Amino acid sequence: MSGHSKWATIKRAKGAADAKRGKAFTKVAKNISVAVRTGGGQDPTFNFQLRQALDHAREIGMPKENIERAIKRGAGEGKEAIEQVTYEGHGPAGSTFIVEAVTDNSNRTLQSIRNIFTKNNGRMGEVGSVAWSFQSKGQILVEKQKGLEDLFLELIDQGVEDVKESEEGLEIYTKPMDLEKTKKFIESKGIKILSSELIMRPQQSVELSEADSNKVRTLIDALEDDDDVVSVHSNVNI
């Protein structure tokens, strides 16, 4: 999820127990299927969305047979049709959310997401009520490592939109179309990337008190735990 502790989320996912890992495989498989269906076919060379989904699958150690099955499903060899859906919502203390899901039953998923917001001091928003305050960006996270000292300035020369230093490393933001180019540039320097993906980045972030942060964290966890949800974007810093 973007907008909160992305570093912690990714590290937690990478070290997940088998049960959690199985759920992660299911979510990524849905992304792969949708990418094949809507992003331009089964060849990742010509399908950027599929390349991103496959990279994520490899990052979490998804078995090859699972990947192949997801690709076939996206190509129409599966049992049921699936679609990508997006919801907008409001949480505690001025927090806002964009929730991306992949489902074979949009009515079921809508009701599930609505219930999660309602149970966690939030509410669903109308289409466009939240999306205007987010922008589509490429996000690359690079943990602290040897060679990072010079990368900051080199990335600026490469024309990336924003580079933020933190205790964990570098957060790099690009135009969506420049994500893969930037990723390849970083890898050409022998630097390992923690994650690379398209996100919805808030134009303004919200700082919360500890009490409100706990409430929002509970809402985020509930959304991310839903089987159909594949990504949660928020304007909060936790």
Protein backbone atom coordinates (compact mmCIF):
# COMPACT_ATOMS: atom_id res chain seq x y z
CA MET A 1 0.00 0.00 0.00
CA SER A 2 1.20 3.52 -0.70
CA GLY A 3 0.88 6.41 1.70
CA HIS A 4 1.83 4.54 4.88
CA SER A 5 4.80 2.41 5.90
CA LYS A 6 5.41 0.75 2.56
CA TRP A 7 8.77 -0.56 3.74
CA ALA A 8 7.21 -2.45 6.64
CA THR A 9 4.40 -3.81 4.47
CA ILE A 10 6.78 -5.24 1.88
CA LYS A 11 9.16 -6.74 4.41
CA ARG A 12 6.23 -8.32 6.25
CA ALA A 13 4.96 -9.82 2.99
CA LYS A 14 8.38 -11.20 2.08
CA GLY A 15 8.66 -12.91 5.43
CA ALA A 16 5.09 -14.12 5.62
CA ALA A 17 4.14 -17.54 6.92
CA ASP A 18 2.93 -20.18 4.48
CA ALA A 19 -0.75 -19.34 5.01
CA LYS A 20 -0.14 -15.66 4.34
CA ARG A 21 2.08 -16.51 1.40
CA GLY A 22 -0.73 -18.56 -0.12
CA LYS A 23 -3.05 -15.57 0.11
CA ALA A 24 -0.37 -13.38 -1.49
CA PHE A 25 -0.08 -15.88 -4.35
CA THR A 26 -3.84 -15.68 -4.90
CA LYS A 27 -3.80 -11.89 -5.08
CA VAL A 28 -0.84 -11.76 -7.47
CA ALA A 29 -2.38 -14.47 -9.66
CA LYS A 30 -5.47 -12.29 -10.07
CA ASN A 31 -3.28 -9.36 -11.08
CA ILE A 32 -1.53 -11.51 -13.68
CA SER A 33 -4.83 -12.70 -15.13
CA VAL A 34 -6.23 -9.18 -15.37
CA ALA A 35 -2.99 -7.93 -16.92
CA VAL A 36 -3.24 -10.56 -19.66
CA ARG A 37 -6.89 -9.78 -20.27
CA THR A 38 -6.68 -6.00 -20.29
CA GLY A 39 -3.05 -5.07 -20.78
CA GLY A 40 -2.20 -6.47 -24.19
CA GLY A 41 -1.82 -10.25 -24.22
CA GLN A 42 0.47 -12.92 -22.82
CA ASP A 43 3.84 -11.56 -23.95
CA PRO A 44 5.37 -9.42 -21.17
CA THR A 45 7.67 -7.81 -23.74
CA PHE A 46 4.68 -5.88 -25.07
CA ASN A 47 2.52 -5.86 -21.94
CA PHE A 48 3.86 -3.50 -19.26
CA GLN A 49 1.11 -4.35 -16.79
CA LEU A 50 1.94 -8.04 -17.11
CA ARG A 51 5.67 -7.38 -16.64
CA GLN A 52 4.92 -5.60 -13.37
CA ALA A 53 2.70 -8.44 -12.16
CA LEU A 54 5.30 -11.07 -13.07
CA ASP A 55 8.04 -9.13 -11.27
CA HIS A 56 5.88 -9.07 -8.15
CA ALA A 57 5.20 -12.80 -8.49
CA ARG A 58 8.94 -13.53 -8.60
CA GLU A 59 9.61 -11.22 -5.65
CA ILE A 60 7.34 -13.28 -3.40
CA GLY A 61 8.56 -16.62 -4.76
CA MET A 62 5.40 -17.61 -6.57
CA PRO A 63 5.78 -21.07 -8.21
CA LYS A 64 6.12 -21.19 -11.98
CA GLU A 65 3.04 -23.39 -12.38
CA ASN A 66 0.91 -20.85 -10.50
CA ILE A 67 2.12 -18.10 -12.82
CA GLU A 68 1.39 -20.16 -15.93
CA ARG A 69 -2.09 -21.02 -14.64
CA ALA A 70 -2.85 -17.35 -13.99
CA ILE A 71 -1.72 -16.40 -17.50
CA LYS A 72 -3.95 -19.08 -19.04
CA ARG A 73 -6.90 -17.89 -16.96
CA GLY A 74 -6.39 -14.35 -18.20
CA ALA A 75 -6.30 -15.65 -21.76
CA GLY A 76 -9.76 -17.14 -21.32
CA GLU A 77 -8.89 -20.69 -20.30
CA GLY A 78 -10.22 -20.27 -16.76
CA LYS A 79 -13.69 -21.03 -15.47
CA GLU A 80 -15.03 -17.60 -14.60
CA ALA A 81 -14.54 -14.08 -15.86
CA ILE A 82 -12.63 -11.70 -13.60
CA GLU A 83 -12.43 -7.94 -13.63
CA GLN A 84 -10.49 -5.15 -12.00
CA VAL A 85 -12.53 -2.77 -9.83
CA THR A 86 -11.62 0.37 -7.88
CA TYR A 87 -13.34 1.83 -4.83
CA GLU A 88 -12.90 5.12 -3.00
CA GLY A 89 -13.45 5.68 0.68
CA HIS A 90 -12.98 7.84 3.77
CA GLY A 91 -11.54 6.66 7.06
CA PRO A 92 -10.90 8.15 10.51
CA ALA A 93 -9.26 11.58 10.99
CA GLY A 94 -9.47 12.76 7.40
CA SER A 95 -7.86 9.67 5.88
CA THR A 96 -8.82 8.81 2.31
CA PHE A 97 -8.42 5.59 0.37
CA ILE A 98 -8.32 4.13 -3.11
CA VAL A 99 -8.85 0.36 -3.00
CA GLU A 100 -8.04 -1.79 -6.02
CA ALA A 101 -9.51 -5.26 -6.26
CA VAL A 102 -9.77 -8.13 -8.73
CA THR A 103 -12.95 -10.17 -8.55
CA ASP A 104 -15.24 -12.66 -10.25
CA ASN A 105 -18.23 -11.14 -8.41
CA SER A 106 -18.21 -7.34 -8.18
CA ASN A 107 -21.39 -7.20 -6.07
CA ARG A 108 -19.83 -9.45 -3.42
CA THR A 109 -16.63 -7.44 -3.39
CA LEU A 110 -18.43 -4.09 -3.18
CA GLN A 111 -20.45 -5.26 -0.18
CA SER A 112 -17.37 -6.64 1.53
CA ILE A 113 -15.40 -3.40 1.11
CA ARG A 114 -18.37 -1.32 2.26
CA ASN A 115 -18.71 -3.46 5.40
CA ILE A 116 -15.00 -3.08 6.17
CA PHE A 117 -15.21 0.70 5.99
CA THR A 118 -18.38 0.81 8.09
CA LYS A 119 -16.96 -1.45 10.82
CA ASN A 120 -13.79 0.67 11.04
CA ASN A 121 -15.20 4.19 11.42
CA GLY A 122 -15.19 4.87 7.69
CA ARG A 123 -17.49 5.07 4.73
CA MET A 124 -17.45 4.38 1.01
CA GLY A 125 -17.12 7.41 -1.26
CA GLU A 126 -18.72 8.27 -4.57
CA VAL A 127 -16.70 7.79 -7.75
CA GLY A 128 -14.29 10.71 -8.02
CA SER A 129 -14.72 11.86 -4.43
CA VAL A 130 -11.17 10.79 -3.52
CA ALA A 131 -9.38 10.02 -6.78
CA TRP A 132 -8.85 13.70 -7.62
CA SER A 133 -6.36 14.01 -4.75
CA PHE A 134 -4.13 11.15 -5.99
CA GLN A 135 -1.81 10.85 -8.98
CA SER A 136 -0.59 7.72 -10.76
CA LYS A 137 3.15 7.35 -10.25
CA GLY A 138 5.89 4.77 -10.49
CA GLN A 139 7.42 3.93 -7.11
CA ILE A 140 10.75 2.20 -6.53
CA LEU A 141 12.08 1.38 -3.06
CA VAL A 142 15.80 0.77 -2.61
CA GLU A 143 17.11 -0.35 0.77
CA LYS A 144 20.35 1.10 2.14
CA GLN A 145 23.33 -0.63 0.57
CA LYS A 146 26.73 0.00 -0.95
CA GLY A 147 26.66 2.37 -3.92
CA LEU A 148 23.61 4.29 -2.80
CA GLU A 149 25.56 7.47 -2.10
CA ASP A 150 25.95 8.40 -5.77
CA LEU A 151 22.57 7.10 -6.90
CA PHE A 152 20.61 10.06 -5.55
CA LEU A 153 22.22 12.60 -7.89
CA GLU A 154 22.32 10.18 -10.81
CA LEU A 155 18.57 9.67 -10.53
CA ILE A 156 17.97 13.40 -10.58
CA ASP A 157 20.06 13.58 -13.77
CA GLN A 158 17.90 10.77 -15.17
CA GLY A 159 14.83 12.98 -14.77
CA VAL A 160 12.96 11.15 -12.01
CA GLU A 161 10.24 13.26 -10.40
CA ASP A 162 11.17 12.83 -6.75
CA VAL A 163 13.71 11.03 -4.57
CA LYS A 164 13.24 10.84 -0.80
CA GLU A 165 15.87 9.63 1.65
CA SER A 166 14.77 7.79 4.79
CA GLU A 167 16.26 5.55 7.45
CA GLU A 168 15.42 2.53 5.28
CA GLY A 169 16.86 3.83 2.00
CA LEU A 170 15.53 5.70 -1.03
CA GLU A 171 11.96 6.21 -2.20
CA ILE A 172 11.98 7.03 -5.90
CA TYR A 173 8.98 8.39 -7.80
CA THR A 174 8.67 8.55 -11.59
CA LYS A 175 6.12 9.16 -14.27
CA PRO A 176 4.27 5.88 -14.91
CA MET A 177 5.84 5.53 -18.35
CA ASP A 178 9.35 5.97 -16.89
CA LEU A 179 9.10 3.30 -14.19
CA GLU A 180 10.70 0.44 -16.09
CA LYS A 181 13.42 2.63 -17.61
CA THR A 182 14.37 3.89 -14.15
CA LYS A 183 14.29 0.39 -12.70
CA LYS A 184 16.69 -0.89 -15.38
CA PHE A 185 19.02 2.07 -14.80
CA ILE A 186 19.22 1.31 -11.06
CA GLU A 187 19.80 -2.40 -11.68
CA SER A 188 22.56 -1.56 -14.18
CA LYS A 189 24.42 0.03 -11.26
CA GLY A 190 24.40 -3.30 -9.42
CA ILE A 191 21.93 -2.01 -6.85
CA LYS A 192 19.22 -4.33 -5.55
CA ILE A 193 15.62 -3.06 -5.65
CA LEU A 194 13.18 -3.94 -2.87
CA SER A 195 10.05 -3.18 -4.91
CA SER A 196 8.94 -1.52 -8.13
CA GLU A 197 5.30 -0.80 -8.94
CA LEU A 198 2.69 1.67 -10.10
CA ILE A 199 0.91 3.39 -7.23
CA MET A 200 -1.62 6.11 -6.56
CA ARG A 201 0.36 8.78 -4.71
CA PRO A 202 -1.50 11.35 -2.60
CA GLN A 203 -0.87 14.97 -3.53
CA GLN A 204 -0.96 15.80 0.18
CA SER A 205 -0.31 13.43 3.08
CA VAL A 206 -1.95 13.54 6.49
CA GLU A 207 -0.08 13.20 9.79
CA LEU A 208 -2.09 11.45 12.51
CA SER A 209 -1.97 11.14 16.27
CA GLU A 210 -1.04 7.78 17.74
CA ALA A 211 -4.68 6.99 18.56
CA ASP A 212 -5.90 7.88 15.07
CA SER A 213 -2.97 6.03 13.51
CA ASN A 214 -4.03 2.85 15.29
CA LYS A 215 -7.58 3.22 13.98
CA VAL A 216 -6.39 3.78 10.42
CA ARG A 217 -3.91 0.90 10.68
CA THR A 218 -6.77 -1.41 11.70
CA LEU A 219 -8.79 -0.29 8.69
CA ILE A 220 -5.83 -0.78 6.36
CA ASP A 221 -5.17 -4.27 7.72
CA ALA A 222 -8.82 -5.23 7.24
CA LEU A 223 -8.84 -3.98 3.65
CA GLU A 224 -5.56 -5.70 2.77
CA ASP A 225 -6.80 -8.94 4.33
CA ASP A 226 -9.80 -9.11 1.98
CA ASP A 227 -9.26 -11.88 -0.58
CA ASP A 228 -10.21 -9.70 -3.54
CA VAL A 229 -8.16 -6.62 -2.62
CA VAL A 230 -4.81 -6.36 -4.38
CA SER A 231 -3.73 -2.83 -3.46
CA VAL A 232 -4.65 -0.12 -0.96
CA HIS A 233 -3.56 3.51 -1.41
CA SER A 234 -4.00 6.14 1.28
CA ASN A 235 -3.06 9.71 2.11
CA VAL A 236 -1.83 8.90 5.62
CA ASN A 237 1.68 8.65 7.03
CA ILE A 238 1.93 5.97 9.71
